[in-house]
Amino acid sequence: MSASGSAPGSAATGSNNRITVIDALRGTALVGLFLLHTIEHFDFLSDAAVPRLG
């Protein structure tokens, strides 16, 4: 360990070393999970909620 208490080569310098694309993918995945849970929990896709055309 170094004198600062972190392992050598670790990202202890702050959030500047974060990969923005990975963060965006994580955010998109969380929004997708939230939407899927909401649709299934409140049963938005049931037969009663979908109007029939004919």
N, C-alpha and C. Protein backbone atom coordinates (compact mmCIF):
# COMPACT_ATOMS: atom_id res chain seq x y z
N MET A 1 0.83 -1.19 0.00
CA MET A 1 0.00 0.00 0.00
C MET A 1 0.87 1.24 0.00
N SER A 2 0.33 2.28 -0.56
CA SER A 2 1.05 3.53 -0.56
C SER A 2 0.75 4.30 0.72
N ALA A 3 1.38 5.45 0.86
CA ALA A 3 1.22 6.24 2.09
C ALA A 3 -0.20 6.77 2.26
N SER A 4 -0.94 6.91 1.16
CA SER A 4 -2.30 7.45 1.26
C SER A 4 -3.31 6.39 1.69
N GLY A 5 -2.92 5.12 1.76
CA GLY A 5 -3.82 4.07 2.21
C GLY A 5 -4.53 3.34 1.11
N SER A 6 -4.26 3.67 -0.14
CA SER A 6 -4.91 2.97 -1.24
C SER A 6 -3.87 2.15 -1.99
N ALA A 7 -4.34 1.17 -2.71
CA ALA A 7 -3.44 0.31 -3.46
C ALA A 7 -2.85 1.08 -4.63
N PRO A 8 -1.62 0.75 -5.01
CA PRO A 8 -1.02 1.44 -6.16
C PRO A 8 -1.81 1.17 -7.44
N GLY A 9 -1.99 2.18 -8.23
CA GLY A 9 -2.71 2.04 -9.48
C GLY A 9 -4.22 2.17 -9.35
N SER A 10 -4.73 2.36 -8.15
CA SER A 10 -6.18 2.51 -7.99
C SER A 10 -6.60 3.93 -8.34
N ALA A 11 -7.88 4.10 -8.57
CA ALA A 11 -8.41 5.42 -8.96
C ALA A 11 -8.75 6.22 -7.72
N ALA A 12 -7.74 6.63 -6.99
CA ALA A 12 -7.96 7.38 -5.75
C ALA A 12 -7.84 8.88 -5.97
N THR A 13 -7.71 9.33 -7.22
CA THR A 13 -7.51 10.74 -7.50
C THR A 13 -8.81 11.49 -7.64
N GLY A 14 -9.95 10.84 -7.58
CA GLY A 14 -11.24 11.51 -7.71
C GLY A 14 -12.07 10.89 -8.81
N SER A 15 -13.11 11.60 -9.20
CA SER A 15 -14.03 11.06 -10.19
C SER A 15 -13.61 11.38 -11.62
N ASN A 16 -12.44 11.97 -11.82
CA ASN A 16 -11.99 12.30 -13.17
C ASN A 16 -11.62 11.07 -13.97
N ASN A 17 -11.35 9.94 -13.30
CA ASN A 17 -10.94 8.73 -14.00
C ASN A 17 -12.12 7.85 -14.41
N ARG A 18 -13.33 8.28 -14.14
CA ARG A 18 -14.50 7.46 -14.47
C ARG A 18 -14.73 7.46 -15.97
N ILE A 19 -15.25 6.36 -16.47
CA ILE A 19 -15.54 6.24 -17.90
C ILE A 19 -16.99 6.67 -18.11
N THR A 20 -17.19 7.74 -18.84
CA THR A 20 -18.52 8.32 -19.01
C THR A 20 -19.47 7.38 -19.74
N VAL A 21 -18.96 6.64 -20.71
CA VAL A 21 -19.81 5.73 -21.47
C VAL A 21 -20.37 4.63 -20.56
N ILE A 22 -19.55 4.11 -19.67
CA ILE A 22 -20.00 3.07 -18.75
C ILE A 22 -21.06 3.63 -17.81
N ASP A 23 -20.86 4.86 -17.33
CA ASP A 23 -21.86 5.48 -16.47
C ASP A 23 -23.18 5.68 -17.21
N ALA A 24 -23.11 6.07 -18.47
CA ALA A 24 -24.33 6.25 -19.27
C ALA A 24 -25.04 4.92 -19.48
N LEU A 25 -24.30 3.85 -19.73
CA LEU A 25 -24.91 2.53 -19.89
C LEU A 25 -25.56 2.06 -18.60
N ARG A 26 -24.90 2.31 -17.48
CA ARG A 26 -25.50 1.94 -16.19
C ARG A 26 -26.79 2.70 -15.94
N GLY A 27 -26.79 3.98 -16.24
CA GLY A 27 -28.00 4.78 -16.06
C GLY A 27 -29.13 4.31 -16.96
N THR A 28 -28.82 3.98 -18.20
CA THR A 28 -29.82 3.47 -19.12
C THR A 28 -30.39 2.14 -18.63
N ALA A 29 -29.52 1.27 -18.12
CA ALA A 29 -29.98 -0.01 -17.59
C ALA A 29 -30.89 0.18 -16.38
N LEU A 30 -30.55 1.12 -15.51
CA LEU A 30 -31.40 1.37 -14.33
C LEU A 30 -32.76 1.93 -14.74
N VAL A 31 -32.79 2.82 -15.72
CA VAL A 31 -34.07 3.35 -16.19
C VAL A 31 -34.90 2.24 -16.82
N GLY A 32 -34.26 1.37 -17.59
CA GLY A 32 -34.97 0.25 -18.19
C GLY A 32 -35.56 -0.69 -17.15
N LEU A 33 -34.78 -1.00 -16.12
CA LEU A 33 -35.30 -1.86 -15.05
C LEU A 33 -36.46 -1.20 -14.32
N PHE A 34 -36.34 0.09 -14.07
CA PHE A 34 -37.42 0.81 -13.40
C PHE A 34 -38.69 0.81 -14.24
N LEU A 35 -38.57 1.07 -15.54
CA LEU A 35 -39.74 1.07 -16.41
C LEU A 35 -40.37 -0.31 -16.51
N LEU A 36 -39.56 -1.34 -16.63
CA LEU A 36 -40.09 -2.70 -16.70
C LEU A 36 -40.82 -3.07 -15.42
N HIS A 37 -40.24 -2.72 -14.28
CA HIS A 37 -40.90 -3.00 -12.99
C HIS A 37 -42.22 -2.25 -12.89
N THR A 38 -42.23 -0.98 -13.31
CA THR A 38 -43.45 -0.19 -13.23
C THR A 38 -44.54 -0.76 -14.13
N ILE A 39 -44.18 -1.15 -15.35
CA ILE A 39 -45.16 -1.72 -16.28
C ILE A 39 -45.73 -3.02 -15.72
N GLU A 40 -44.88 -3.88 -15.18
CA GLU A 40 -45.36 -5.15 -14.66
C GLU A 40 -46.12 -4.98 -13.35
N HIS A 41 -45.67 -4.07 -12.49
CA HIS A 41 -46.31 -3.90 -11.18
C HIS A 41 -47.71 -3.33 -11.32
N PHE A 42 -47.87 -2.32 -12.16
CA PHE A 42 -49.17 -1.68 -12.32
C PHE A 42 -49.98 -2.29 -13.45
N ASP A 43 -49.48 -3.34 -14.08
CA ASP A 43 -50.19 -4.12 -15.10
C ASP A 43 -50.69 -3.24 -16.24
N PHE A 44 -49.80 -2.39 -16.77
CA PHE A 44 -50.16 -1.50 -17.86
C PHE A 44 -50.44 -2.25 -19.16
N LEU A 45 -49.93 -3.44 -19.33
CA LEU A 45 -50.07 -4.16 -20.59
C LEU A 45 -51.11 -5.27 -20.51
N SER A 46 -52.07 -5.13 -19.63
CA SER A 46 -53.12 -6.16 -19.54
C SER A 46 -54.09 -6.01 -20.69
N ASP A 47 -54.93 -7.00 -20.91
CA ASP A 47 -55.90 -6.95 -22.00
C ASP A 47 -56.94 -5.85 -21.78
N ALA A 48 -57.26 -5.55 -20.52
CA ALA A 48 -58.24 -4.51 -20.23
C ALA A 48 -57.70 -3.12 -20.56
N ALA A 49 -56.40 -2.94 -20.49
CA ALA A 49 -55.81 -1.62 -20.73
C ALA A 49 -55.58 -1.33 -22.21
N VAL A 50 -55.62 -2.37 -23.06
CA VAL A 50 -55.34 -2.20 -24.48
C VAL A 50 -56.67 -2.16 -25.22
N PRO A 51 -56.99 -1.04 -25.89
CA PRO A 51 -58.25 -0.97 -26.63
C PRO A 51 -58.21 -1.85 -27.88
N ARG A 52 -59.30 -2.46 -28.18
CA ARG A 52 -59.42 -3.32 -29.38
C ARG A 52 -59.97 -2.50 -30.54
N LEU A 53 -59.49 -2.79 -31.72
CA LEU A 53 -59.93 -2.04 -32.91
C LEU A 53 -60.84 -2.89 -33.78
N GLY A 54 -61.90 -3.34 -33.26
CA GLY A 54 -62.79 -4.04 -34.17
C GLY A 54 -63.39 -5.24 -33.67
